[in-house]
mmCIF file of all heavy atoms, coordinates in Angstrom:
data_MODEL
# 
_entry.id   MODEL 
# 
loop_
_atom_site.group_PDB 
_atom_site.id 
_atom_site.type_symbol 
_atom_site.label_atom_id 
_atom_site.label_alt_id 
_atom_site.label_comp_id 
_atom_site.label_asym_id 
_atom_site.label_entity_id 
_atom_site.label_seq_id 
_atom_site.pdbx_PDB_ins_code 
_atom_site.Cartn_x 
_atom_site.Cartn_y 
_atom_site.Cartn_z 
_atom_site.occupancy 
_atom_site.B_iso_or_equiv 
_atom_site.pdbx_formal_charge 
_atom_site.auth_seq_id 
_atom_site.auth_comp_id 
_atom_site.auth_asym_id 
_atom_site.auth_atom_id 
_atom_site.pdbx_PDB_model_num 
ATOM 1   N N   . GLY A 1 1  ? 185.667 175.289 87.079 1.00 0.00 ? 1  GLY A N   1 
ATOM 2   C CA  . GLY A 1 1  ? 186.964 175.431 87.651 1.00 0.00 ? 1  GLY A CA  1 
ATOM 3   C C   . GLY A 1 1  ? 188.095 174.821 86.805 1.00 0.00 ? 1  GLY A C   1 
ATOM 4   O O   . GLY A 1 1  ? 189.274 175.001 87.136 1.00 0.00 ? 1  GLY A O   1 
ATOM 5   N N   . ASN A 1 2  ? 187.754 174.055 85.776 1.00 0.00 ? 2  ASN A N   1 
ATOM 6   C CA  . ASN A 1 2  ? 188.774 173.494 84.902 1.00 0.00 ? 2  ASN A CA  1 
ATOM 7   C C   . ASN A 1 2  ? 189.475 174.566 84.111 1.00 0.00 ? 2  ASN A C   1 
ATOM 8   O O   . ASN A 1 2  ? 188.862 175.537 83.684 1.00 0.00 ? 2  ASN A O   1 
ATOM 9   C CB  . ASN A 1 2  ? 188.131 172.508 83.884 1.00 0.00 ? 2  ASN A CB  1 
ATOM 10  C CG  . ASN A 1 2  ? 187.638 171.259 84.599 1.00 0.00 ? 2  ASN A CG  1 
ATOM 11  O OD1 . ASN A 1 2  ? 188.097 170.893 85.669 1.00 0.00 ? 2  ASN A OD1 1 
ATOM 12  N ND2 . ASN A 1 2  ? 186.682 170.539 83.945 1.00 0.00 ? 2  ASN A ND2 1 
ATOM 13  N N   . THR A 1 3  ? 190.795 174.430 83.925 1.00 0.00 ? 3  THR A N   1 
ATOM 14  C CA  . THR A 1 3  ? 191.607 175.397 83.224 1.00 0.00 ? 3  THR A CA  1 
ATOM 15  C C   . THR A 1 3  ? 192.199 174.861 81.964 1.00 0.00 ? 3  THR A C   1 
ATOM 16  O O   . THR A 1 3  ? 192.458 173.656 81.838 1.00 0.00 ? 3  THR A O   1 
ATOM 17  C CB  . THR A 1 3  ? 192.720 175.910 84.162 1.00 0.00 ? 3  THR A CB  1 
ATOM 18  O OG1 . THR A 1 3  ? 193.475 174.784 84.627 1.00 0.00 ? 3  THR A OG1 1 
ATOM 19  C CG2 . THR A 1 3  ? 192.179 176.696 85.326 1.00 0.00 ? 3  THR A CG2 1 
ATOM 20  N N   . PHE A 1 4  ? 192.465 175.774 81.010 1.00 0.00 ? 4  PHE A N   1 
ATOM 21  C CA  . PHE A 1 4  ? 193.020 175.421 79.725 1.00 0.00 ? 4  PHE A CA  1 
ATOM 22  C C   . PHE A 1 4  ? 193.995 176.560 79.378 1.00 0.00 ? 4  PHE A C   1 
ATOM 23  O O   . PHE A 1 4  ? 193.692 177.726 79.559 1.00 0.00 ? 4  PHE A O   1 
ATOM 24  C CB  . PHE A 1 4  ? 191.922 175.322 78.650 1.00 0.00 ? 4  PHE A CB  1 
ATOM 25  C CG  . PHE A 1 4  ? 190.912 174.259 78.979 1.00 0.00 ? 4  PHE A CG  1 
ATOM 26  C CD1 . PHE A 1 4  ? 189.827 174.555 79.766 1.00 0.00 ? 4  PHE A CD1 1 
ATOM 27  C CD2 . PHE A 1 4  ? 191.076 172.995 78.486 1.00 0.00 ? 4  PHE A CD2 1 
ATOM 28  C CE1 . PHE A 1 4  ? 188.892 173.598 80.082 1.00 0.00 ? 4  PHE A CE1 1 
ATOM 29  C CE2 . PHE A 1 4  ? 190.140 172.000 78.776 1.00 0.00 ? 4  PHE A CE2 1 
ATOM 30  C CZ  . PHE A 1 4  ? 189.033 172.309 79.583 1.00 0.00 ? 4  PHE A CZ  1 
ATOM 31  N N   . TYR A 1 5  ? 195.134 176.178 78.793 1.00 0.00 ? 5  TYR A N   1 
ATOM 32  C CA  . TYR A 1 5  ? 196.217 177.107 78.550 1.00 0.00 ? 5  TYR A CA  1 
ATOM 33  C C   . TYR A 1 5  ? 196.710 177.012 77.116 1.00 0.00 ? 5  TYR A C   1 
ATOM 34  O O   . TYR A 1 5  ? 196.768 175.956 76.530 1.00 0.00 ? 5  TYR A O   1 
ATOM 35  C CB  . TYR A 1 5  ? 197.372 176.833 79.505 1.00 0.00 ? 5  TYR A CB  1 
ATOM 36  C CG  . TYR A 1 5  ? 197.012 176.964 80.931 1.00 0.00 ? 5  TYR A CG  1 
ATOM 37  C CD1 . TYR A 1 5  ? 196.694 175.857 81.715 1.00 0.00 ? 5  TYR A CD1 1 
ATOM 38  C CD2 . TYR A 1 5  ? 196.997 178.172 81.568 1.00 0.00 ? 5  TYR A CD2 1 
ATOM 39  C CE1 . TYR A 1 5  ? 196.355 175.934 83.028 1.00 0.00 ? 5  TYR A CE1 1 
ATOM 40  C CE2 . TYR A 1 5  ? 196.679 178.299 82.931 1.00 0.00 ? 5  TYR A CE2 1 
ATOM 41  C CZ  . TYR A 1 5  ? 196.355 177.166 83.651 1.00 0.00 ? 5  TYR A CZ  1 
ATOM 42  O OH  . TYR A 1 5  ? 196.015 177.278 84.972 1.00 0.00 ? 5  TYR A OH  1 
ATOM 43  N N   . ASN A 1 6  ? 197.135 178.171 76.597 1.00 0.00 ? 6  ASN A N   1 
ATOM 44  C CA  . ASN A 1 6  ? 197.859 178.181 75.381 1.00 0.00 ? 6  ASN A CA  1 
ATOM 45  C C   . ASN A 1 6  ? 199.152 177.424 75.546 1.00 0.00 ? 6  ASN A C   1 
ATOM 46  O O   . ASN A 1 6  ? 199.910 177.717 76.457 1.00 0.00 ? 6  ASN A O   1 
ATOM 47  C CB  . ASN A 1 6  ? 198.165 179.646 74.972 1.00 0.00 ? 6  ASN A CB  1 
ATOM 48  C CG  . ASN A 1 6  ? 198.797 179.800 73.641 1.00 0.00 ? 6  ASN A CG  1 
ATOM 49  O OD1 . ASN A 1 6  ? 199.597 178.962 73.172 1.00 0.00 ? 6  ASN A OD1 1 
ATOM 50  N ND2 . ASN A 1 6  ? 198.475 180.881 72.932 1.00 0.00 ? 6  ASN A ND2 1 
ATOM 51  N N   . PRO A 1 7  ? 199.430 176.425 74.698 1.00 0.00 ? 7  PRO A N   1 
ATOM 52  C CA  . PRO A 1 7  ? 200.659 175.643 74.920 1.00 0.00 ? 7  PRO A CA  1 
ATOM 53  C C   . PRO A 1 7  ? 201.910 176.437 74.963 1.00 0.00 ? 7  PRO A C   1 
ATOM 54  O O   . PRO A 1 7  ? 202.855 176.042 75.663 1.00 0.00 ? 7  PRO A O   1 
ATOM 55  C CB  . PRO A 1 7  ? 200.629 174.690 73.736 1.00 0.00 ? 7  PRO A CB  1 
ATOM 56  C CG  . PRO A 1 7  ? 199.172 174.540 73.386 1.00 0.00 ? 7  PRO A CG  1 
ATOM 57  C CD  . PRO A 1 7  ? 198.618 175.909 73.615 1.00 0.00 ? 7  PRO A CD  1 
ATOM 58  N N   . SER A 1 8  ? 201.964 177.566 74.247 1.00 0.00 ? 8  SER A N   1 
ATOM 59  C CA  . SER A 1 8  ? 203.185 178.355 74.226 1.00 0.00 ? 8  SER A CA  1 
ATOM 60  C C   . SER A 1 8  ? 203.452 179.073 75.577 1.00 0.00 ? 8  SER A C   1 
ATOM 61  O O   . SER A 1 8  ? 204.549 179.489 75.832 1.00 0.00 ? 8  SER A O   1 
ATOM 62  C CB  . SER A 1 8  ? 203.128 179.381 73.119 1.00 0.00 ? 8  SER A CB  1 
ATOM 63  O OG  . SER A 1 8  ? 202.191 180.396 73.387 1.00 0.00 ? 8  SER A OG  1 
ATOM 64  N N   . LEU A 1 9  ? 202.463 179.133 76.438 1.00 0.00 ? 9  LEU A N   1 
ATOM 65  C CA  . LEU A 1 9  ? 202.551 179.827 77.709 1.00 0.00 ? 9  LEU A CA  1 
ATOM 66  C C   . LEU A 1 9  ? 202.290 178.928 78.890 1.00 0.00 ? 9  LEU A C   1 
ATOM 67  O O   . LEU A 1 9  ? 202.464 179.328 80.073 1.00 0.00 ? 9  LEU A O   1 
ATOM 68  C CB  . LEU A 1 9  ? 201.571 181.004 77.738 1.00 0.00 ? 9  LEU A CB  1 
ATOM 69  C CG  . LEU A 1 9  ? 201.745 182.084 76.682 1.00 0.00 ? 9  LEU A CG  1 
ATOM 70  C CD1 . LEU A 1 9  ? 200.540 183.026 76.719 1.00 0.00 ? 9  LEU A CD1 1 
ATOM 71  C CD2 . LEU A 1 9  ? 203.028 182.885 76.960 1.00 0.00 ? 9  LEU A CD2 1 
ATOM 72  N N   . LYS A 1 10 ? 201.908 177.705 78.649 1.00 0.00 ? 10 LYS A N   1 
ATOM 73  C CA  . LYS A 1 10 ? 201.424 176.841 79.716 1.00 0.00 ? 10 LYS A CA  1 
ATOM 74  C C   . LYS A 1 10 ? 202.419 176.637 80.867 1.00 0.00 ? 10 LYS A C   1 
ATOM 75  O O   . LYS A 1 10 ? 202.048 176.605 82.038 1.00 0.00 ? 10 LYS A O   1 
ATOM 76  C CB  . LYS A 1 10 ? 201.070 175.464 79.128 1.00 0.00 ? 10 LYS A CB  1 
ATOM 77  C CG  . LYS A 1 10 ? 200.536 174.464 80.148 1.00 0.00 ? 10 LYS A CG  1 
ATOM 78  C CD  . LYS A 1 10 ? 200.149 173.161 79.478 1.00 0.00 ? 10 LYS A CD  1 
ATOM 79  C CE  . LYS A 1 10 ? 199.654 172.153 80.491 1.00 0.00 ? 10 LYS A CE  1 
ATOM 80  N NZ  . LYS A 1 10 ? 198.434 172.592 81.142 1.00 0.00 ? 10 LYS A NZ  1 
ATOM 81  N N   . SER A 1 11 ? 203.695 176.544 80.503 1.00 0.00 ? 11 SER A N   1 
ATOM 82  C CA  . SER A 1 11 ? 204.697 176.235 81.524 1.00 0.00 ? 11 SER A CA  1 
ATOM 83  C C   . SER A 1 11 ? 204.860 177.320 82.584 1.00 0.00 ? 11 SER A C   1 
ATOM 84  O O   . SER A 1 11 ? 205.379 177.053 83.675 1.00 0.00 ? 11 SER A O   1 
ATOM 85  C CB  . SER A 1 11 ? 206.041 175.955 80.903 1.00 0.00 ? 11 SER A CB  1 
ATOM 86  O OG  . SER A 1 11 ? 206.558 177.098 80.288 1.00 0.00 ? 11 SER A OG  1 
ATOM 87  N N   . ARG A 1 12 ? 204.453 178.534 82.265 1.00 0.00 ? 12 ARG A N   1 
ATOM 88  C CA  . ARG A 1 12 ? 204.626 179.642 83.232 1.00 0.00 ? 12 ARG A CA  1 
ATOM 89  C C   . ARG A 1 12 ? 203.296 180.363 83.535 1.00 0.00 ? 12 ARG A C   1 
ATOM 90  O O   . ARG A 1 12 ? 203.371 181.504 84.023 1.00 0.00 ? 12 ARG A O   1 
ATOM 91  C CB  . ARG A 1 12 ? 205.710 180.586 82.750 1.00 0.00 ? 12 ARG A CB  1 
ATOM 92  C CG  . ARG A 1 12 ? 205.479 181.216 81.417 1.00 0.00 ? 12 ARG A CG  1 
ATOM 93  C CD  . ARG A 1 12 ? 206.801 181.916 80.980 1.00 0.00 ? 12 ARG A CD  1 
ATOM 94  N NE  . ARG A 1 12 ? 206.592 182.644 79.743 1.00 0.00 ? 12 ARG A NE  1 
ATOM 95  C CZ  . ARG A 1 12 ? 206.410 183.920 79.598 1.00 0.00 ? 12 ARG A CZ  1 
ATOM 96  N NH1 . ARG A 1 12 ? 206.423 184.689 80.681 1.00 0.00 ? 12 ARG A NH1 1 
ATOM 97  N NH2 . ARG A 1 12 ? 206.260 184.493 78.425 1.00 0.00 ? 12 ARG A NH2 1 
ATOM 98  N N   . THR A 1 13 ? 202.191 179.761 83.236 1.00 0.00 ? 13 THR A N   1 
ATOM 99  C CA  . THR A 1 13 ? 200.885 180.392 83.428 1.00 0.00 ? 13 THR A CA  1 
ATOM 100 C C   . THR A 1 13 ? 200.044 179.641 84.406 1.00 0.00 ? 13 THR A C   1 
ATOM 101 O O   . THR A 1 13 ? 200.005 178.382 84.410 1.00 0.00 ? 13 THR A O   1 
ATOM 102 C CB  . THR A 1 13 ? 200.115 180.476 82.105 1.00 0.00 ? 13 THR A CB  1 
ATOM 103 O OG1 . THR A 1 13 ? 200.935 181.192 81.117 1.00 0.00 ? 13 THR A OG1 1 
ATOM 104 C CG2 . THR A 1 13 ? 198.792 181.220 82.249 1.00 0.00 ? 13 THR A CG2 1 
ATOM 105 N N   . ASP A 1 14 ? 199.328 180.346 85.260 1.00 0.00 ? 14 ASP A N   1 
ATOM 106 C CA  . ASP A 1 14 ? 198.370 179.771 86.159 1.00 0.00 ? 14 ASP A CA  1 
ATOM 107 C C   . ASP A 1 14 ? 197.134 180.629 86.161 1.00 0.00 ? 14 ASP A C   1 
ATOM 108 O O   . ASP A 1 14 ? 197.221 181.873 86.134 1.00 0.00 ? 14 ASP A O   1 
ATOM 109 C CB  . ASP A 1 14 ? 198.890 179.637 87.599 1.00 0.00 ? 14 ASP A CB  1 
ATOM 110 C CG  . ASP A 1 14 ? 199.906 178.481 87.717 1.00 0.00 ? 14 ASP A CG  1 
ATOM 111 O OD1 . ASP A 1 14 ? 199.484 177.324 87.542 1.00 0.00 ? 14 ASP A OD1 1 
ATOM 112 O OD2 . ASP A 1 14 ? 201.066 178.760 88.008 1.00 0.00 ? 14 ASP A OD2 1 
ATOM 113 N N   . LEU A 1 15 ? 195.990 179.991 86.193 1.00 0.00 ? 15 LEU A N   1 
ATOM 114 C CA  . LEU A 1 15 ? 194.699 180.697 86.273 1.00 0.00 ? 15 LEU A CA  1 
ATOM 115 C C   . LEU A 1 15 ? 193.934 180.134 87.455 1.00 0.00 ? 15 LEU A C   1 
ATOM 116 O O   . LEU A 1 15 ? 193.830 178.916 87.669 1.00 0.00 ? 15 LEU A O   1 
ATOM 117 C CB  . LEU A 1 15 ? 193.929 180.467 84.988 1.00 0.00 ? 15 LEU A CB  1 
ATOM 118 C CG  . LEU A 1 15 ? 192.808 181.434 84.601 1.00 0.00 ? 15 LEU A CG  1 
ATOM 119 C CD1 . LEU A 1 15 ? 193.326 182.902 84.561 1.00 0.00 ? 15 LEU A CD1 1 
ATOM 120 C CD2 . LEU A 1 15 ? 192.251 181.037 83.250 1.00 0.00 ? 15 LEU A CD2 1 
ATOM 121 N N   . SER A 1 16 ? 193.397 181.038 88.250 1.00 0.00 ? 16 SER A N   1 
ATOM 122 C CA  . SER A 1 16 ? 192.665 180.626 89.456 1.00 0.00 ? 16 SER A CA  1 
ATOM 123 C C   . SER A 1 16 ? 191.450 181.536 89.619 1.00 0.00 ? 16 SER A C   1 
ATOM 124 O O   . SER A 1 16 ? 191.296 182.529 88.884 1.00 0.00 ? 16 SER A O   1 
ATOM 125 C CB  . SER A 1 16 ? 193.530 180.684 90.709 1.00 0.00 ? 16 SER A CB  1 
ATOM 126 O OG  . SER A 1 16 ? 194.045 182.002 90.921 1.00 0.00 ? 16 SER A OG  1 
ATOM 127 N N   . ARG A 1 17 ? 190.594 181.233 90.595 1.00 0.00 ? 17 ARG A N   1 
ATOM 128 C CA  . ARG A 1 17 ? 189.432 182.077 90.833 1.00 0.00 ? 17 ARG A CA  1 
ATOM 129 C C   . ARG A 1 17 ? 189.092 182.146 92.308 1.00 0.00 ? 17 ARG A C   1 
ATOM 130 O O   . ARG A 1 17 ? 189.481 181.279 93.091 1.00 0.00 ? 17 ARG A O   1 
ATOM 131 C CB  . ARG A 1 17 ? 188.238 181.515 90.030 1.00 0.00 ? 17 ARG A CB  1 
ATOM 132 C CG  . ARG A 1 17 ? 187.733 180.179 90.510 1.00 0.00 ? 17 ARG A CG  1 
ATOM 133 C CD  . ARG A 1 17 ? 186.594 179.657 89.699 1.00 0.00 ? 17 ARG A CD  1 
ATOM 134 N NE  . ARG A 1 17 ? 186.074 178.380 90.154 1.00 0.00 ? 17 ARG A NE  1 
ATOM 135 C CZ  . ARG A 1 17 ? 185.044 177.779 89.672 1.00 0.00 ? 17 ARG A CZ  1 
ATOM 136 N NH1 . ARG A 1 17 ? 184.353 178.278 88.652 1.00 0.00 ? 17 ARG A NH1 1 
ATOM 137 N NH2 . ARG A 1 17 ? 184.646 176.581 90.185 1.00 0.00 ? 17 ARG A NH2 1 
ATOM 138 N N   . ASP A 1 18 ? 188.378 183.207 92.620 1.00 0.00 ? 18 ASP A N   1 
ATOM 139 C CA  . ASP A 1 18 ? 187.801 183.378 93.933 1.00 0.00 ? 18 ASP A CA  1 
ATOM 140 C C   . ASP A 1 18 ? 186.314 183.565 93.741 1.00 0.00 ? 18 ASP A C   1 
ATOM 141 O O   . ASP A 1 18 ? 185.870 184.671 93.397 1.00 0.00 ? 18 ASP A O   1 
ATOM 142 C CB  . ASP A 1 18 ? 188.439 184.559 94.647 1.00 0.00 ? 18 ASP A CB  1 
ATOM 143 C CG  . ASP A 1 18 ? 187.966 184.721 96.057 1.00 0.00 ? 18 ASP A CG  1 
ATOM 144 O OD1 . ASP A 1 18 ? 186.882 184.241 96.434 1.00 0.00 ? 18 ASP A OD1 1 
ATOM 145 O OD2 . ASP A 1 18 ? 188.699 185.371 96.864 1.00 0.00 ? 18 ASP A OD2 1 
ATOM 146 N N   . THR A 1 19 ? 185.549 182.507 93.935 1.00 0.00 ? 19 THR A N   1 
ATOM 147 C CA  . THR A 1 19 ? 184.117 182.611 93.650 1.00 0.00 ? 19 THR A CA  1 
ATOM 148 C C   . THR A 1 19 ? 183.389 183.556 94.598 1.00 0.00 ? 19 THR A C   1 
ATOM 149 O O   . THR A 1 19 ? 182.368 184.088 94.223 1.00 0.00 ? 19 THR A O   1 
ATOM 150 C CB  . THR A 1 19 ? 183.492 181.189 93.655 1.00 0.00 ? 19 THR A CB  1 
ATOM 151 O OG1 . THR A 1 19 ? 183.703 180.601 94.929 1.00 0.00 ? 19 THR A OG1 1 
ATOM 152 C CG2 . THR A 1 19 ? 184.088 180.318 92.584 1.00 0.00 ? 19 THR A CG2 1 
ATOM 153 N N   . SER A 1 20 ? 183.881 183.685 95.823 1.00 0.00 ? 20 SER A N   1 
ATOM 154 C CA  . SER A 1 20 ? 183.215 184.546 96.763 1.00 0.00 ? 20 SER A CA  1 
ATOM 155 C C   . SER A 1 20 ? 183.331 186.032 96.333 1.00 0.00 ? 20 SER A C   1 
ATOM 156 O O   . SER A 1 20 ? 182.454 186.845 96.695 1.00 0.00 ? 20 SER A O   1 
ATOM 157 C CB  . SER A 1 20 ? 183.795 184.390 98.171 1.00 0.00 ? 20 SER A CB  1 
ATOM 158 O OG  . SER A 1 20 ? 185.100 184.867 98.264 1.00 0.00 ? 20 SER A OG  1 
ATOM 159 N N   . LYS A 1 21 ? 184.367 186.369 95.588 1.00 0.00 ? 21 LYS A N   1 
ATOM 160 C CA  . LYS A 1 21 ? 184.551 187.736 95.105 1.00 0.00 ? 21 LYS A CA  1 
ATOM 161 C C   . LYS A 1 21 ? 184.169 187.864 93.612 1.00 0.00 ? 21 LYS A C   1 
ATOM 162 O O   . LYS A 1 21 ? 184.223 188.958 93.064 1.00 0.00 ? 21 LYS A O   1 
ATOM 163 C CB  . LYS A 1 21 ? 185.996 188.163 95.248 1.00 0.00 ? 21 LYS A CB  1 
ATOM 164 C CG  . LYS A 1 21 ? 186.455 188.229 96.727 1.00 0.00 ? 21 LYS A CG  1 
ATOM 165 C CD  . LYS A 1 21 ? 187.876 188.687 96.808 1.00 0.00 ? 21 LYS A CD  1 
ATOM 166 C CE  . LYS A 1 21 ? 188.353 188.799 98.253 1.00 0.00 ? 21 LYS A CE  1 
ATOM 167 N NZ  . LYS A 1 21 ? 189.775 189.215 98.352 1.00 0.00 ? 21 LYS A NZ  1 
ATOM 168 N N   . ASN A 1 22 ? 183.777 186.750 93.014 1.00 0.00 ? 22 ASN A N   1 
ATOM 169 C CA  . ASN A 1 22 ? 183.485 186.721 91.575 1.00 0.00 ? 22 ASN A CA  1 
ATOM 170 C C   . ASN A 1 22 ? 184.645 187.263 90.738 1.00 0.00 ? 22 ASN A C   1 
ATOM 171 O O   . ASN A 1 22 ? 184.446 188.120 89.836 1.00 0.00 ? 22 ASN A O   1 
ATOM 172 C CB  . ASN A 1 22 ? 182.183 187.497 91.267 1.00 0.00 ? 22 ASN A CB  1 
ATOM 173 C CG  . ASN A 1 22 ? 181.369 186.838 90.174 1.00 0.00 ? 22 ASN A CG  1 
ATOM 174 O OD1 . ASN A 1 22 ? 181.259 185.604 90.138 1.00 0.00 ? 22 ASN A OD1 1 
ATOM 175 N ND2 . ASN A 1 22 ? 180.785 187.655 89.290 1.00 0.00 ? 22 ASN A ND2 1 
ATOM 176 N N   . GLN A 1 23 ? 185.834 186.769 91.032 1.00 0.00 ? 23 GLN A N   1 
ATOM 177 C CA  . GLN A 1 23 ? 187.041 187.150 90.379 1.00 0.00 ? 23 GLN A CA  1 
ATOM 178 C C   . GLN A 1 23 ? 187.819 185.993 89.874 1.00 0.00 ? 23 GLN A C   1 
ATOM 179 O O   . GLN A 1 23 ? 187.774 184.890 90.469 1.00 0.00 ? 23 GLN A O   1 
ATOM 180 C CB  . GLN A 1 23 ? 187.949 187.971 91.345 1.00 0.00 ? 23 GLN A CB  1 
ATOM 181 C CG  . GLN A 1 23 ? 187.365 189.257 91.824 1.00 0.00 ? 23 GLN A CG  1 
ATOM 182 C CD  . GLN A 1 23 ? 188.258 189.938 92.865 1.00 0.00 ? 23 GLN A CD  1 
ATOM 183 O OE1 . GLN A 1 23 ? 189.024 189.242 93.587 1.00 0.00 ? 23 GLN A OE1 1 
ATOM 184 N NE2 . GLN A 1 23 ? 188.208 191.246 92.935 1.00 0.00 ? 23 GLN A NE2 1 
ATOM 185 N N   . PHE A 1 24 ? 188.599 186.219 88.822 1.00 0.00 ? 24 PHE A N   1 
ATOM 186 C CA  . PHE A 1 24 ? 189.594 185.206 88.412 1.00 0.00 ? 24 PHE A CA  1 
ATOM 187 C C   . PHE A 1 24 ? 190.906 185.900 88.138 1.00 0.00 ? 24 PHE A C   1 
ATOM 188 O O   . PHE A 1 24 ? 190.944 187.077 87.692 1.00 0.00 ? 24 PHE A O   1 
ATOM 189 C CB  . PHE A 1 24 ? 189.114 184.337 87.232 1.00 0.00 ? 24 PHE A CB  1 
ATOM 190 C CG  . PHE A 1 24 ? 188.780 185.085 85.942 1.00 0.00 ? 24 PHE A CG  1 
ATOM 191 C CD1 . PHE A 1 24 ? 189.676 185.098 84.896 1.00 0.00 ? 24 PHE A CD1 1 
ATOM 192 C CD2 . PHE A 1 24 ? 187.581 185.732 85.815 1.00 0.00 ? 24 PHE A CD2 1 
ATOM 193 C CE1 . PHE A 1 24 ? 189.367 185.734 83.706 1.00 0.00 ? 24 PHE A CE1 1 
ATOM 194 C CE2 . PHE A 1 24 ? 187.226 186.374 84.605 1.00 0.00 ? 24 PHE A CE2 1 
ATOM 195 C CZ  . PHE A 1 24 ? 188.159 186.400 83.573 1.00 0.00 ? 24 PHE A CZ  1 
ATOM 196 N N   . THR A 1 25 ? 191.971 185.190 88.380 1.00 0.00 ? 25 THR A N   1 
ATOM 197 C CA  . THR A 1 25 ? 193.319 185.800 88.405 1.00 0.00 ? 25 THR A CA  1 
ATOM 198 C C   . THR A 1 25 ? 194.299 185.030 87.524 1.00 0.00 ? 25 THR A C   1 
ATOM 199 O O   . THR A 1 25 ? 194.345 183.805 87.582 1.00 0.00 ? 25 THR A O   1 
ATOM 200 C CB  . THR A 1 25 ? 193.861 185.825 89.833 1.00 0.00 ? 25 THR A CB  1 
ATOM 201 O OG1 . THR A 1 25 ? 193.020 186.697 90.668 1.00 0.00 ? 25 THR A OG1 1 
ATOM 202 C CG2 . THR A 1 25 ? 195.278 186.382 89.882 1.00 0.00 ? 25 THR A CG2 1 
ATOM 203 N N   . LEU A 1 26 ? 195.011 185.791 86.742 1.00 0.00 ? 26 LEU A N   1 
ATOM 204 C CA  . LEU A 1 26 ? 196.075 185.255 85.889 1.00 0.00 ? 26 LEU A CA  1 
ATOM 205 C C   . LEU A 1 26 ? 197.424 185.502 86.565 1.00 0.00 ? 26 LEU A C   1 
ATOM 206 O O   . LEU A 1 26 ? 197.676 186.628 87.037 1.00 0.00 ? 26 LEU A O   1 
ATOM 207 C CB  . LEU A 1 26 ? 196.089 185.948 84.529 1.00 0.00 ? 26 LEU A CB  1 
ATOM 208 C CG  . LEU A 1 26 ? 197.227 185.653 83.573 1.00 0.00 ? 26 LEU A CG  1 
ATOM 209 C CD1 . LEU A 1 26 ? 197.057 184.243 82.994 1.00 0.00 ? 26 LEU A CD1 1 
ATOM 210 C CD2 . LEU A 1 26 ? 197.345 186.701 82.521 1.00 0.00 ? 26 LEU A CD2 1 
ATOM 211 N N   . GLN A 1 27 ? 198.278 184.494 86.615 1.00 0.00 ? 27 GLN A N   1 
ATOM 212 C CA  . GLN A 1 27 ? 199.665 184.644 87.035 1.00 0.00 ? 27 GLN A CA  1 
ATOM 213 C C   . GLN A 1 27 ? 200.537 184.192 85.876 1.00 0.00 ? 27 GLN A C   1 
ATOM 214 O O   . GLN A 1 27 ? 200.385 183.094 85.360 1.00 0.00 ? 27 GLN A O   1 
ATOM 215 C CB  . GLN A 1 27 ? 199.959 183.875 88.277 1.00 0.00 ? 27 GLN A CB  1 
ATOM 216 C CG  . GLN A 1 27 ? 199.280 184.449 89.542 1.00 0.00 ? 27 GLN A CG  1 
ATOM 217 C CD  . GLN A 1 27 ? 199.842 183.899 90.806 1.00 0.00 ? 27 GLN A CD  1 
ATOM 218 O OE1 . GLN A 1 27 ? 200.129 182.682 90.893 1.00 0.00 ? 27 GLN A OE1 1 
ATOM 219 N NE2 . GLN A 1 27 ? 200.052 184.749 91.779 1.00 0.00 ? 27 GLN A NE2 1 
ATOM 220 N N   . LEU A 1 28 ? 201.472 185.052 85.512 1.00 0.00 ? 28 LEU A N   1 
ATOM 221 C CA  . LEU A 1 28 ? 202.462 184.765 84.480 1.00 0.00 ? 28 LEU A CA  1 
ATOM 222 C C   . LEU A 1 28 ? 203.830 184.932 85.068 1.00 0.00 ? 28 LEU A C   1 
ATOM 223 O O   . LEU A 1 28 ? 204.234 186.040 85.456 1.00 0.00 ? 28 LEU A O   1 
ATOM 224 C CB  . LEU A 1 28 ? 202.272 185.716 83.278 1.00 0.00 ? 28 LEU A CB  1 
ATOM 225 C CG  . LEU A 1 28 ? 203.177 185.481 82.079 1.00 0.00 ? 28 LEU A CG  1 
ATOM 226 C CD1 . LEU A 1 28 ? 202.888 184.100 81.440 1.00 0.00 ? 28 LEU A CD1 1 
ATOM 227 C CD2 . LEU A 1 28 ? 202.997 186.613 81.077 1.00 0.00 ? 28 LEU A CD2 1 
ATOM 228 N N   . ARG A 1 29 ? 204.531 183.803 85.215 1.00 0.00 ? 29 ARG A N   1 
ATOM 229 C CA  . ARG A 1 29 ? 205.821 183.794 85.877 1.00 0.00 ? 29 ARG A CA  1 
ATOM 230 C C   . ARG A 1 29 ? 206.960 184.121 84.936 1.00 0.00 ? 29 ARG A C   1 
ATOM 231 O O   . ARG A 1 29 ? 206.840 184.014 83.702 1.00 0.00 ? 29 ARG A O   1 
ATOM 232 C CB  . ARG A 1 29 ? 206.064 182.414 86.496 1.00 0.00 ? 29 ARG A CB  1 
ATOM 233 C CG  . ARG A 1 29 ? 205.065 182.023 87.562 1.00 0.00 ? 29 ARG A CG  1 
ATOM 234 C CD  . ARG A 1 29 ? 205.384 180.661 88.150 1.00 0.00 ? 29 ARG A CD  1 
ATOM 235 N NE  . ARG A 1 29 ? 205.289 179.604 87.138 1.00 0.00 ? 29 ARG A NE  1 
ATOM 236 C CZ  . ARG A 1 29 ? 204.178 178.969 86.853 1.00 0.00 ? 29 ARG A CZ  1 
ATOM 237 N NH1 . ARG A 1 29 ? 203.045 179.264 87.469 1.00 0.00 ? 29 ARG A NH1 1 
ATOM 238 N NH2 . ARG A 1 29 ? 204.156 178.016 85.902 1.00 0.00 ? 29 ARG A NH2 1 
# 
């Protein structure tokens, strides 16, 4: 569940997951 981001995008990027659906989701603001 730990996340790591490209520093150039970190301020507007979020990564999350739904383990019950075996999915992970990117949000770019």
